[in-house]
Amino acid sequence: MHEQEHRLQSLLTGQNFNAESDMDEWLETAKGYAHAYAQATNGIAVLSDFQNNVNHIYSGLFGQTLGLPEYAENKDSVFEHEVFDNIPDEELVERHILELRFFHFLESVPAAQKTDFNAICIVHFQRKVTPPLSVLHTTRYLLCHANGSIWLGLCTYIPFPQTNEVMGSCIINTRTGETVCLEQFDSRLLSHRQIEILSLLAKGEGSKQIADKLSISVNTVSRHRQDILTRLRVTNTAAAVEIGLRLRLI
């Protein structure tokens, strides 16, 4: 499992979930949505149950040509590894980072509006004989608890025509059609001081050197370093620097 995937799964399944009535009914309804999408588009629809750490994969004819069954249930993971196996590692890392950004963006959105947003990117499925296939990948969260925790997510994959234009990842408000400026919300992940410290860590500076440069104590630097790891959901400084660079925080 990629480091980015591990921390994303930890973030999604580690939420403070509520036990609410009618959950079984809602789950069956969501399964119906996923199955209908796969049948209507010939694509792939993955329903992820973050509360129970389970995913349900529904495949139309496109998915079945890749060797996926029409339906599969995977326990002990919210991610569709059978699908991820077709995607180059670098693109998969970018996909996980997009969902990390998406999740943090939604922290600023009222619970009733979280399901209005989609995260979209292009990935390429590797094939043995023919060139890689361009695929439109969408992530959306279908159901949230009253406390804002996200219970069910839906990821979809459909073939997408290759063009000369490069389509970047984005978040769209499906209610208004507006595109969210990700960079604006990325900058809120860390405080100004934390970004300063992360930038110095990226240059190879140690805690003592950083403390001297910023005129703060080593203990304060250590506390900020731990807060950075917690906020970015990583376990070490190298991973934090990688995320900071990819999000253009540093």
C-alpha atoms as a PDB file:
ATOM      1  CA  MET A   1       0.000   0.000   0.000  1.00  0.00           C
ATOM      2  CA  HIS A   2       1.300   3.449  -0.920  1.00  0.00           C
ATOM      3  CA  GLU A   3       2.146   5.797   1.954  1.00  0.00           C
ATOM      4  CA  GLN A   4      -0.436   8.251   0.582  1.00  0.00           C
ATOM      5  CA  GLU A   5      -3.080   5.534   0.375  1.00  0.00           C
ATOM      6  CA  HIS A   6      -2.362   4.379   3.923  1.00  0.00           C
ATOM      7  CA  ARG A   7      -2.759   7.836   5.421  1.00  0.00           C
ATOM      8  CA  LEU A   8      -5.871   8.553   3.344  1.00  0.00           C
ATOM      9  CA  GLN A   9      -7.518   5.319   4.475  1.00  0.00           C
ATOM     10  CA  SER A  10      -6.614   6.174   8.072  1.00  0.00           C
ATOM     11  CA  LEU A  11      -8.181   9.613   7.660  1.00  0.00           C
ATOM     12  CA  LEU A  12     -11.404   8.304   6.120  1.00  0.00           C
ATOM     13  CA  THR A  13     -11.977   5.332   8.426  1.00  0.00           C
ATOM     14  CA  GLY A  14     -10.823   7.149  11.570  1.00  0.00           C
ATOM     15  CA  GLN A  15     -13.640   9.711  11.582  1.00  0.00           C
ATOM     16  CA  ASN A  16     -16.003  10.086  14.532  1.00  0.00           C
ATOM     17  CA  PHE A  17     -18.968   8.206  13.101  1.00  0.00           C
ATOM     18  CA  ASN A  18     -22.499   8.284  14.473  1.00  0.00           C
ATOM     19  CA  ALA A  19     -24.804   5.298  14.810  1.00  0.00           C
ATOM     20  CA  GLU A  20     -28.033   6.368  13.128  1.00  0.00           C
ATOM     21  CA  SER A  21     -31.297   4.689  12.236  1.00  0.00           C
ATOM     22  CA  ASP A  22     -32.073   3.477   8.714  1.00  0.00           C
ATOM     23  CA  MET A  23     -28.372   2.924   7.901  1.00  0.00           C
ATOM     24  CA  ASP A  24     -29.074  -0.453   6.289  1.00  0.00           C
ATOM     25  CA  GLU A  25     -31.740   1.113   4.102  1.00  0.00           C
ATOM     26  CA  TRP A  26     -29.441   3.973   3.070  1.00  0.00           C
ATOM     27  CA  LEU A  27     -26.657   1.514   2.256  1.00  0.00           C
ATOM     28  CA  GLU A  28     -28.910  -0.527  -0.015  1.00  0.00           C
ATOM     29  CA  THR A  29     -30.071   2.643  -1.759  1.00  0.00           C
ATOM     30  CA  ALA A  30     -26.451   3.712  -2.328  1.00  0.00           C
ATOM     31  CA  LYS A  31     -25.609   0.263  -3.694  1.00  0.00           C
ATOM     32  CA  GLY A  32     -28.484   0.725  -6.139  1.00  0.00           C
ATOM     33  CA  TYR A  33     -27.010   4.054  -7.280  1.00  0.00           C
ATOM     34  CA  ALA A  34     -23.597   2.474  -7.875  1.00  0.00           C
ATOM     35  CA  HIS A  35     -25.019  -0.510  -9.745  1.00  0.00           C
ATOM     36  CA  ALA A  36     -27.238   1.702 -11.901  1.00  0.00           C
ATOM     37  CA  TYR A  37     -24.284   3.954 -12.802  1.00  0.00           C
ATOM     38  CA  ALA A  38     -22.176   0.997 -13.919  1.00  0.00           C
ATOM     39  CA  GLN A  39     -25.033  -0.414 -16.001  1.00  0.00           C
ATOM     40  CA  ALA A  40     -26.031   2.914 -17.547  1.00  0.00           C
ATOM     41  CA  THR A  41     -22.512   4.023 -18.522  1.00  0.00           C
ATOM     42  CA  ASN A  42     -20.716   0.665 -18.922  1.00  0.00           C
ATOM     43  CA  GLY A  43     -18.238   2.144 -16.459  1.00  0.00           C
ATOM     44  CA  ILE A  44     -16.971   1.183 -13.010  1.00  0.00           C
ATOM     45  CA  ALA A  45     -18.592   2.390  -9.793  1.00  0.00           C
ATOM     46  CA  VAL A  46     -17.043   1.810  -6.371  1.00  0.00           C
ATOM     47  CA  LEU A  47     -19.114   2.381  -3.238  1.00  0.00           C
ATOM     48  CA  SER A  48     -16.871   2.797  -0.184  1.00  0.00           C
ATOM     49  CA  ASP A  49     -18.254   2.346   3.324  1.00  0.00           C
ATOM     50  CA  PHE A  50     -15.777   4.240   5.500  1.00  0.00           C
ATOM     51  CA  GLN A  51     -17.548   3.380   8.733  1.00  0.00           C
ATOM     52  CA  ASN A  52     -17.236  -0.386   8.191  1.00  0.00           C
ATOM     53  CA  ASN A  53     -14.049  -0.372   6.062  1.00  0.00           C
ATOM     54  CA  VAL A  54     -15.680  -2.162   3.110  1.00  0.00           C
ATOM     55  CA  ASN A  55     -16.028  -1.394  -0.594  1.00  0.00           C
ATOM     56  CA  HIS A  56     -18.445  -2.646  -3.249  1.00  0.00           C
ATOM     57  CA  ILE A  57     -17.297  -2.647  -6.892  1.00  0.00           C
ATOM     58  CA  TYR A  58     -19.849  -2.655  -9.729  1.00  0.00           C
ATOM     59  CA  SER A  59     -18.564  -3.097 -13.285  1.00  0.00           C
ATOM     60  CA  GLY A  60     -20.296  -2.438 -16.578  1.00  0.00           C
ATOM     61  CA  LEU A  61     -18.935  -3.814 -19.836  1.00  0.00           C
ATOM     62  CA  PHE A  62     -15.876  -1.531 -19.712  1.00  0.00           C
ATOM     63  CA  GLY A  63     -14.856  -2.860 -16.322  1.00  0.00           C
ATOM     64  CA  GLN A  64     -15.531  -6.416 -17.372  1.00  0.00           C
ATOM     65  CA  THR A  65     -13.170  -6.075 -20.361  1.00  0.00           C
ATOM     66  CA  LEU A  66     -10.462  -5.349 -17.771  1.00  0.00           C
ATOM     67  CA  GLY A  67     -11.216  -8.629 -16.050  1.00  0.00           C
ATOM     68  CA  LEU A  68     -13.357  -7.214 -13.248  1.00  0.00           C
ATOM     69  CA  PRO A  69     -16.439  -9.176 -12.170  1.00  0.00           C
ATOM     70  CA  GLU A  70     -19.851  -7.564 -12.448  1.00  0.00           C
ATOM     71  CA  TYR A  71     -19.866  -7.242  -8.651  1.00  0.00           C
ATOM     72  CA  ALA A  72     -17.264  -7.707  -5.927  1.00  0.00           C
ATOM     73  CA  GLU A  73     -17.239  -6.915  -2.201  1.00  0.00           C
ATOM     74  CA  ASN A  74     -13.904  -6.268  -0.501  1.00  0.00           C
ATOM     75  CA  LYS A  75     -13.609  -6.195   3.261  1.00  0.00           C
ATOM     76  CA  ASP A  76     -10.806  -4.546   5.241  1.00  0.00           C
ATOM     77  CA  SER A  77     -10.276  -1.791   2.676  1.00  0.00           C
ATOM     78  CA  VAL A  78     -12.236   1.187   1.387  1.00  0.00           C
ATOM     79  CA  PHE A  79     -10.145   1.272  -1.792  1.00  0.00           C
ATOM     80  CA  GLU A  80     -10.578  -0.513  -5.120  1.00  0.00           C
ATOM     81  CA  HIS A  81      -7.183  -2.166  -5.513  1.00  0.00           C
ATOM     82  CA  GLU A  82      -8.398  -4.206  -8.497  1.00  0.00           C
ATOM     83  CA  VAL A  83      -8.881  -0.904 -10.314  1.00  0.00           C
ATOM     84  CA  PHE A  84      -5.784   0.814  -8.901  1.00  0.00           C
ATOM     85  CA  ASP A  85      -3.634  -2.007 -10.306  1.00  0.00           C
ATOM     86  CA  ASN A  86      -4.313  -0.600 -13.787  1.00  0.00           C
ATOM     87  CA  ILE A  87      -3.060   2.913 -12.950  1.00  0.00           C
ATOM     88  CA  PRO A  88       0.625   4.005 -13.034  1.00  0.00           C
ATOM     89  CA  ASP A  89       2.102   4.581  -9.576  1.00  0.00           C
ATOM     90  CA  GLU A  90       2.744   8.287 -10.085  1.00  0.00           C
ATOM     91  CA  GLU A  91      -0.841   8.930 -11.207  1.00  0.00           C
ATOM     92  CA  LEU A  92      -2.140   6.869  -8.302  1.00  0.00           C
ATOM     93  CA  VAL A  93      -0.188   9.029  -5.847  1.00  0.00           C
ATOM     94  CA  GLU A  94      -1.667  12.150  -7.457  1.00  0.00           C
ATOM     95  CA  ARG A  95      -5.134  10.617  -7.217  1.00  0.00           C
ATOM     96  CA  HIS A  96      -4.721   9.955  -3.493  1.00  0.00           C
ATOM     97  CA  ILE A  97      -3.389  13.459  -2.874  1.00  0.00           C
ATOM     98  CA  LEU A  98      -6.384  14.924  -4.719  1.00  0.00           C
ATOM     99  CA  GLU A  99      -8.757  13.045  -2.406  1.00  0.00           C
ATOM    100  CA  LEU A 100      -6.733  14.216   0.600  1.00  0.00           C
ATOM    101  CA  ARG A 101      -7.147  17.809  -0.604  1.00  0.00           C
ATOM    102  CA  PHE A 102     -10.838  17.143  -1.289  1.00  0.00           C
ATOM    103  CA  PHE A 103     -11.400  15.806   2.220  1.00  0.00           C
ATOM    104  CA  HIS A 104      -9.657  18.778   3.840  1.00  0.00           C
ATOM    105  CA  PHE A 105     -11.616  21.203   1.647  1.00  0.00           C
ATOM    106  CA  LEU A 106     -14.891  19.640   2.789  1.00  0.00           C
ATOM    107  CA  GLU A 107     -13.969  20.286   6.420  1.00  0.00           C
ATOM    108  CA  SER A 108     -14.904  23.918   5.704  1.00  0.00           C
ATOM    109  CA  VAL A 109     -18.242  22.976   4.105  1.00  0.00           C
ATOM    110  CA  PRO A 110     -21.483  22.519   6.120  1.00  0.00           C
ATOM    111  CA  ALA A 111     -22.515  18.859   6.470  1.00  0.00           C
ATOM    112  CA  ALA A 112     -25.670  19.366   4.388  1.00  0.00           C
ATOM    113  CA  GLN A 113     -23.612  20.664   1.430  1.00  0.00           C
ATOM    114  CA  LYS A 114     -20.710  18.190   1.398  1.00  0.00           C
ATOM    115  CA  THR A 115     -22.468  15.909  -1.103  1.00  0.00           C
ATOM    116  CA  ASP A 116     -22.728  18.770  -3.623  1.00  0.00           C
ATOM    117  CA  PHE A 117     -19.044  18.483  -4.570  1.00  0.00           C
ATOM    118  CA  ASN A 118     -17.085  16.145  -6.860  1.00  0.00           C
ATOM    119  CA  ALA A 119     -13.324  15.730  -7.255  1.00  0.00           C
ATOM    120  CA  ILE A 120     -12.343  14.965 -10.851  1.00  0.00           C
ATOM    121  CA  CYS A 121      -9.123  13.886 -12.544  1.00  0.00           C
ATOM    122  CA  ILE A 122      -7.849  11.956 -15.564  1.00  0.00           C
ATOM    123  CA  VAL A 123      -5.990   8.688 -15.036  1.00  0.00           C
ATOM    124  CA  HIS A 124      -4.602   6.226 -17.570  1.00  0.00           C
ATOM    125  CA  PHE A 125      -5.238   2.509 -17.495  1.00  0.00           C
ATOM    126  CA  GLN A 126      -2.186   0.545 -18.616  1.00  0.00           C
ATOM    127  CA  ARG A 127      -2.809  -2.240 -21.118  1.00  0.00           C
ATOM    128  CA  LYS A 128      -0.439  -4.935 -22.337  1.00  0.00           C
ATOM    129  CA  VAL A 129      -0.890  -4.490 -26.082  1.00  0.00           C
ATOM    130  CA  THR A 130      -2.650  -1.218 -26.862  1.00  0.00           C
ATOM    131  CA  PRO A 131      -1.636   2.277 -25.657  1.00  0.00           C
ATOM    132  CA  PRO A 132      -2.769   3.468 -22.203  1.00  0.00           C
ATOM    133  CA  LEU A 133      -6.463   4.333 -22.043  1.00  0.00           C
ATOM    134  CA  SER A 134      -7.536   7.768 -20.811  1.00  0.00           C
ATOM    135  CA  VAL A 135     -10.179   7.452 -18.067  1.00  0.00           C
ATOM    136  CA  LEU A 136     -12.297  10.082 -16.311  1.00  0.00           C
ATOM    137  CA  HIS A 137     -12.220   9.427 -12.561  1.00  0.00           C
ATOM    138  CA  THR A 138     -14.678  11.091 -10.194  1.00  0.00           C
ATOM    139  CA  THR A 139     -14.840  10.982  -6.402  1.00  0.00           C
ATOM    140  CA  ARG A 140     -17.908  12.116  -4.507  1.00  0.00           C
ATOM    141  CA  TYR A 141     -19.259  11.559  -1.015  1.00  0.00           C
ATOM    142  CA  LEU A 142     -22.828  10.309  -1.015  1.00  0.00           C
ATOM    143  CA  LEU A 143     -23.833  10.391   2.624  1.00  0.00           C
ATOM    144  CA  CYS A 144     -22.666  12.269   5.693  1.00  0.00           C
ATOM    145  CA  HIS A 145     -23.699  11.954   9.319  1.00  0.00           C
ATOM    146  CA  ALA A 146     -25.150  14.932  11.156  1.00  0.00           C
ATOM    147  CA  ASN A 147     -21.781  15.588  12.824  1.00  0.00           C
ATOM    148  CA  GLY A 148     -20.134  16.028   9.406  1.00  0.00           C
ATOM    149  CA  SER A 149     -18.370  12.653   9.240  1.00  0.00           C
ATOM    150  CA  ILE A 150     -18.453  11.111   5.768  1.00  0.00           C
ATOM    151  CA  TRP A 151     -19.946   7.631   5.724  1.00  0.00           C
ATOM    152  CA  LEU A 152     -20.278   6.613   2.062  1.00  0.00           C
ATOM    153  CA  GLY A 153     -18.165   7.566  -0.928  1.00  0.00           C
ATOM    154  CA  LEU A 154     -18.652   6.805  -4.620  1.00  0.00           C
ATOM    155  CA  CYS A 155     -15.776   6.620  -7.116  1.00  0.00           C
ATOM    156  CA  THR A 156     -16.492   6.205 -10.819  1.00  0.00           C
ATOM    157  CA  TYR A 157     -14.402   5.424 -13.896  1.00  0.00           C
ATOM    158  CA  ILE A 158     -15.418   5.788 -17.543  1.00  0.00           C
ATOM    159  CA  PRO A 159     -13.333   5.963 -20.754  1.00  0.00           C
ATOM    160  CA  PHE A 160     -12.555   9.552 -21.720  1.00  0.00           C
ATOM    161  CA  PRO A 161     -11.404  10.650 -25.191  1.00  0.00           C
ATOM    162  CA  GLN A 162      -7.779  11.722 -25.386  1.00  0.00           C
ATOM    163  CA  THR A 163      -7.318  15.296 -26.601  1.00  0.00           C
ATOM    164  CA  ASN A 164      -4.400  17.661 -27.035  1.00  0.00           C
ATOM    165  CA  GLU A 165      -5.641  19.708 -24.101  1.00  0.00           C
ATOM    166  CA  VAL A 166      -4.352  18.771 -20.676  1.00  0.00           C
ATOM    167  CA  MET A 167      -7.118  18.478 -18.101  1.00  0.00           C
ATOM    168  CA  GLY A 168      -5.949  18.982 -14.546  1.00  0.00           C
ATOM    169  CA  SER A 169      -7.613  17.753 -11.380  1.00  0.00           C
ATOM    170  CA  CYS A 170     -10.357  19.911  -9.918  1.00  0.00           C
ATOM    171  CA  ILE A 171     -13.256  20.079  -7.484  1.00  0.00           C
ATOM    172  CA  ILE A 172     -16.661  21.056  -8.838  1.00  0.00           C
ATOM    173  CA  ASN A 173     -19.810  22.175  -7.068  1.00  0.00           C
ATOM    174  CA  THR A 174     -22.406  20.117  -8.933  1.00  0.00           C
ATOM    175  CA  ARG A 175     -25.232  22.297  -7.631  1.00  0.00           C
ATOM    176  CA  THR A 176     -23.846  25.559  -9.082  1.00  0.00           C
ATOM    177  CA  GLY A 177     -21.355  24.330 -11.683  1.00  0.00           C
ATOM    178  CA  GLU A 178     -18.581  26.402 -10.088  1.00  0.00           C
ATOM    179  CA  THR A 179     -15.015  25.125  -9.886  1.00  0.00           C
ATOM    180  CA  VAL A 180     -13.265  25.378  -6.534  1.00  0.00           C
ATOM    181  CA  CYS A 181      -9.831  27.005  -6.384  1.00  0.00           C
ATOM    182  CA  LEU A 182      -7.895  24.232  -4.645  1.00  0.00           C
ATOM    183  CA  GLU A 183      -4.826  26.339  -3.987  1.00  0.00           C
ATOM    184  CA  GLN A 184      -6.881  28.707  -1.863  1.00  0.00           C
ATOM    185  CA  PHE A 185      -7.842  25.879   0.482  1.00  0.00           C
ATOM    186  CA  ASP A 186      -4.490  24.077   0.351  1.00  0.00           C
ATOM    187  CA  SER A 187      -2.930  27.110   2.003  1.00  0.00           C
ATOM    188  CA  ARG A 188      -5.220  26.576   4.994  1.00  0.00           C
ATOM    189  CA  LEU A 189      -3.841  23.112   5.675  1.00  0.00           C
ATOM    190  CA  LEU A 190      -0.914  24.573   7.592  1.00  0.00           C
ATOM    191  CA  SER A 191      -0.337  27.810   9.458  1.00  0.00           C
ATOM    192  CA  HIS A 192       2.144  30.383   8.186  1.00  0.00           C
ATOM    193  CA  ARG A 193       4.656  29.288  10.840  1.00  0.00           C
ATOM    194  CA  GLN A 194       4.219  25.609   9.945  1.00  0.00           C
ATOM    195  CA  ILE A 195       4.844  26.378   6.273  1.00  0.00           C
ATOM    196  CA  GLU A 196       8.002  28.269   7.253  1.00  0.00           C
ATOM    197  CA  ILE A 197       9.244  25.270   9.228  1.00  0.00           C
ATOM    198  CA  LEU A 198       8.335  22.781   6.512  1.00  0.00           C
ATOM    199  CA  SER A 199      10.208  24.898   3.948  1.00  0.00           C
ATOM    200  CA  LEU A 200      13.322  24.837   6.117  1.00  0.00           C
ATOM    201  CA  LEU A 201      12.975  21.093   6.672  1.00  0.00           C
ATOM    202  CA  ALA A 202      12.849  20.672   2.892  1.00  0.00           C
ATOM    203  CA  LYS A 203      16.227  22.428   2.726  1.00  0.00           C
ATOM    204  CA  GLY A 204      17.691  19.927   5.180  1.00  0.00           C
ATOM    205  CA  GLU A 205      17.658  22.166   8.246  1.00  0.00           C
ATOM    206  CA  GLY A 206      17.470  20.522  11.666  1.00  0.00           C
ATOM    207  CA  SER A 207      15.298  21.599  14.587  1.00  0.00           C
ATOM    208  CA  LYS A 208      18.121  23.539  16.273  1.00  0.00           C
ATOM    209  CA  GLN A 209      18.958  25.444  13.082  1.00  0.00           C
ATOM    210  CA  ILE A 210      15.275  26.223  12.481  1.00  0.00           C
ATOM    211  CA  ALA A 211      14.838  27.431  16.060  1.00  0.00           C
ATOM    212  CA  ASP A 212      17.798  29.796  15.680  1.00  0.00           C
ATOM    213  CA  LYS A 213      16.603  31.146  12.324  1.00  0.00           C
ATOM    214  CA  LEU A 214      13.045  31.776  13.514  1.00  0.00           C
ATOM    215  CA  SER A 215      14.027  32.902  17.040  1.00  0.00           C
ATOM    216  CA  ILE A 216      11.860  30.289  18.721  1.00  0.00           C
ATOM    217  CA  SER A 217      12.651  27.412  21.066  1.00  0.00           C
ATOM    218  CA  VAL A 218      13.545  23.902  19.914  1.00  0.00           C
ATOM    219  CA  ASN A 219      10.504  22.633  21.816  1.00  0.00           C
ATOM    220  CA  THR A 220       8.284  24.954  19.790  1.00  0.00           C
ATOM    221  CA  VAL A 221       9.829  23.671  16.562  1.00  0.00           C
ATOM    222  CA  SER A 222       9.269  20.069  17.697  1.00  0.00           C
ATOM    223  CA  ARG A 223       5.634  20.803  18.505  1.00  0.00           C
ATOM    224  CA  HIS A 224       5.093  22.392  15.088  1.00  0.00           C
ATOM    225  CA  ARG A 225       6.789  19.451  13.381  1.00  0.00           C
ATOM    226  CA  GLN A 226       4.435  17.018  15.091  1.00  0.00           C
ATOM    227  CA  ASP A 227       1.438  19.189  14.205  1.00  0.00           C
ATOM    228  CA  ILE A 228       2.564  19.195  10.558  1.00  0.00           C
ATOM    229  CA  LEU A 229       2.707  15.395  10.495  1.00  0.00           C
ATOM    230  CA  THR A 230      -0.719  15.158  12.109  1.00  0.00           C
ATOM    231  CA  ARG A 231      -2.285  17.708   9.794  1.00  0.00           C
ATOM    232  CA  LEU A 232      -0.886  16.134   6.624  1.00  0.00           C
ATOM    233  CA  ARG A 233      -1.584  12.608   7.898  1.00  0.00           C
ATOM    234  CA  VAL A 234       1.979  11.412   7.410  1.00  0.00           C
ATOM    235  CA  THR A 235       4.395   9.575   9.688  1.00  0.00           C
ATOM    236  CA  ASN A 236       7.706  11.188   8.805  1.00  0.00           C
ATOM    237  CA  THR A 237       9.291  14.432   7.643  1.00  0.00           C
ATOM    238  CA  ALA A 238      10.183  13.157   4.157  1.00  0.00           C
ATOM    239  CA  ALA A 239       6.530  12.353   3.437  1.00  0.00           C
ATOM    240  CA  ALA A 240       5.461  15.772   4.786  1.00  0.00           C
ATOM    241  CA  VAL A 241       7.949  17.525   2.505  1.00  0.00           C
ATOM    242  CA  GLU A 242       6.679  15.501  -0.486  1.00  0.00           C
ATOM    243  CA  ILE A 243       3.082  16.541   0.217  1.00  0.00           C
ATOM    244  CA  GLY A 244       4.142  20.149   0.757  1.00  0.00           C
ATOM    245  CA  LEU A 245       5.908  20.212  -2.606  1.00  0.00           C
ATOM    246  CA  ARG A 246       3.042  18.548  -4.478  1.00  0.00           C
ATOM    247  CA  LEU A 247       0.542  21.003  -3.002  1.00  0.00           C
ATOM    248  CA  ARG A 248       2.920  23.901  -3.715  1.00  0.00           C
ATOM    249  CA  LEU A 249       2.882  24.925  -0.062  1.00  0.00           C
ATOM    250  CA  ILE A 250       6.663  25.222  -0.153  1.00  0.00           C
END
